[in-house]
Protein backbone atom coordinates (compact mmCIF):
# COMPACT_ATOMS: atom_id res chain seq x y z
CA VAL A 1 10.39 -30.96 47.10
CA GLY A 2 8.82 -28.47 44.73
CA ALA A 3 10.41 -25.04 44.34
CA LEU A 4 8.13 -22.06 44.89
CA ASN A 5 8.51 -18.59 43.50
CA LYS A 6 7.16 -16.75 46.55
CA GLU A 7 7.12 -13.35 44.79
CA ALA A 8 4.86 -14.64 42.00
CA ASN A 9 3.08 -17.12 44.32
CA THR A 10 3.60 -19.89 41.77
CA LEU A 11 5.61 -23.04 41.29
CA ALA A 12 8.97 -22.23 39.72
CA ARG A 13 9.14 -22.98 36.00
CA PHE A 14 12.09 -25.34 36.54
CA SER A 15 10.47 -27.34 39.34
CA SER A 16 9.63 -30.91 38.36
CA ARG A 17 6.04 -32.01 38.25
CA GLY A 18 4.61 -35.42 39.00
CA PRO A 19 3.42 -38.04 38.97
CA ILE A 20 6.29 -40.51 38.90
CA THR A 21 5.69 -42.66 35.84
CA GLN A 22 9.01 -44.42 35.23
CA ASP A 23 8.12 -47.30 37.53
CA ARG A 24 4.41 -47.08 36.62
CA SER A 25 3.52 -46.29 40.23
CA ASN A 26 2.03 -42.84 39.49
CA ARG A 27 3.28 -41.75 42.93
CA LEU A 28 2.74 -38.17 44.00
CA LYS A 29 5.68 -35.80 43.46
CA PRO A 30 6.53 -33.38 44.85
CA GLU A 31 5.27 -34.13 48.34
CA ILE A 32 5.63 -30.54 49.59
CA SER A 33 6.80 -27.21 48.22
CA ALA A 34 9.17 -24.62 49.68
CA PRO A 35 10.84 -21.39 48.53
CA GLY A 36 13.29 -22.11 45.73
CA VAL A 37 13.63 -18.89 43.71
CA SER A 38 16.13 -16.15 44.59
CA VAL A 39 17.03 -17.75 47.92
CA VAL A 40 20.05 -16.07 49.53
CA SER A 41 22.70 -18.64 50.40
CA SER A 42 26.38 -18.80 51.20
CA TYR A 43 28.62 -18.70 48.16
CA LEU A 44 32.27 -18.98 47.14
CA GLY A 45 34.78 -16.61 48.67
CA ASN A 46 32.90 -16.02 51.94
CA THR A 47 30.09 -14.21 50.12
CA TYR A 48 26.36 -14.62 49.63
CA SER A 49 24.34 -14.99 46.48
CA ALA A 50 20.69 -15.32 45.49
CA MET A 51 20.24 -18.70 43.85
CA SER A 52 17.32 -20.69 42.50
CA GLY A 53 16.54 -24.39 42.26
CA THR A 54 15.01 -27.30 44.06
CA SER A 55 18.48 -27.44 45.59
CA MET A 56 17.44 -24.28 47.45
CA ALA A 57 13.98 -25.59 48.39
CA SER A 58 15.16 -28.90 49.83
CA PRO A 59 17.42 -27.35 52.50
CA ALA A 60 14.45 -25.25 53.64
CA VAL A 61 12.57 -28.46 54.37
CA ASN A 62 15.61 -29.93 56.13
CA GLY A 63 15.82 -26.82 58.30
CA ALA A 64 12.12 -27.05 59.06
CA VAL A 65 12.58 -30.63 60.25
CA ALA A 66 15.47 -29.59 62.51
CA LEU A 67 13.40 -26.75 63.96
CA LEU A 68 10.38 -29.02 64.42
CA TRP A 69 12.46 -31.66 66.21
CA GLU A 70 13.92 -29.02 68.55
CA ALA A 71 10.50 -27.60 69.31
CA VAL A 72 8.84 -31.01 69.77
CA PRO A 73 11.55 -33.46 70.92
CA SER A 74 9.17 -36.43 70.95
CA LEU A 75 9.10 -36.20 67.13
CA LYS A 76 12.88 -36.67 66.82
CA ARG A 77 13.79 -39.46 64.39
CA ASN A 78 10.10 -40.26 63.88
CA VAL A 79 10.24 -39.62 60.15
CA ALA A 80 6.72 -40.79 59.32
CA ALA A 81 5.17 -38.55 62.00
CA THR A 82 7.33 -35.60 60.94
CA ILE A 83 6.24 -35.98 57.33
CA GLN A 84 2.61 -36.18 58.44
CA VAL A 85 2.91 -32.99 60.50
CA LEU A 86 4.53 -31.10 57.61
CA GLN A 87 1.87 -32.32 55.17
CA ASP A 88 -1.05 -31.58 57.50
CA SER A 89 0.18 -28.06 58.29
CA ALA A 90 1.14 -27.01 54.76
CA THR A 91 -0.76 -24.15 53.17
CA LYS A 92 -2.96 -25.97 50.67
CA VAL A 93 -2.55 -25.05 47.00
CA SER A 94 -5.13 -26.72 44.79
CA SER A 95 -4.36 -27.71 41.20
CA ASN A 96 -5.94 -29.89 38.54
CA LEU A 97 -2.86 -29.93 36.30
CA CYS A 98 -0.47 -32.83 35.70
CA SER A 99 -3.01 -35.63 36.17
CA SER A 100 -4.09 -34.46 39.60
CA SER A 101 -7.04 -32.81 41.27
CA GLY A 102 -7.29 -30.74 44.46
CA VAL A 103 -4.80 -31.37 47.27
CA PRO A 104 -2.44 -33.19 47.26
CA ASN A 105 -1.48 -32.67 43.64
CA ASN A 106 1.41 -33.18 41.24
CA LEU A 107 2.51 -29.54 41.23
CA TYR A 108 2.61 -28.49 44.90
CA GLY A 109 2.17 -31.81 46.71
CA TYR A 110 0.39 -31.16 50.01
CA GLY A 111 1.07 -27.44 49.57
CA SER A 112 3.49 -24.75 50.62
CA MET A 113 5.45 -25.67 53.73
CA ASP A 114 4.49 -23.64 56.81
CA VAL A 115 6.97 -24.48 59.55
CA TYR A 116 5.30 -22.18 62.11
CA ALA A 117 1.99 -23.99 61.61
CA ALA A 118 3.81 -27.34 61.81
CA VAL A 119 5.35 -26.48 65.19
CA GLN A 120 2.07 -25.13 66.56
CA GLN A 121 0.14 -28.17 65.39
CA ALA A 122 2.68 -30.67 66.75
CA LYS A 123 2.85 -28.90 70.10
CA LYS A 124 -0.94 -28.88 70.37
CA VAL A 125 -1.17 -32.59 69.58
CA TYR A 126 1.54 -33.55 72.06
CA GLU A 127 0.41 -31.19 74.81
CA ASN A 128 -3.09 -32.67 74.60
CA ASN A 129 -1.67 -36.19 74.75
CA GLU A 130 -3.59 -37.09 71.60
CA ASN A 131 -0.33 -38.21 70.03
CA GLN A 132 -1.82 -38.98 66.64
CA TYR A 133 1.72 -38.92 65.28
CA SER A 134 3.05 -41.77 67.39
CA LYS A 135 5.28 -44.41 65.84
């Protein structure tokens, strides 16, 4: 998960870029991006604090999955379909940096996560019985 700086509308400076080269696969990373700069979270002593990191962006994606599975129960535990919905509904952010071109790319992946669009898209697909996201 890439960390976005939503105020600057950019990828956070600390967010890793792809591709994965250690195993020579050149796999895409990140796969999707989510807010990761100045995210308010619970903190020590029953307080809250604004924190930054991919450790703030990843829980946003986890929450989006939980919300998506509640809204569209037929997606529950269908990880491949859930990933596809999140990728298809992401706000596309094109880049030609880091050995990539267009979308997906090695800075933003498939783009900025849009959970509202993901729910709307999944509901439309399932309500129309097209079920392109079946197992």
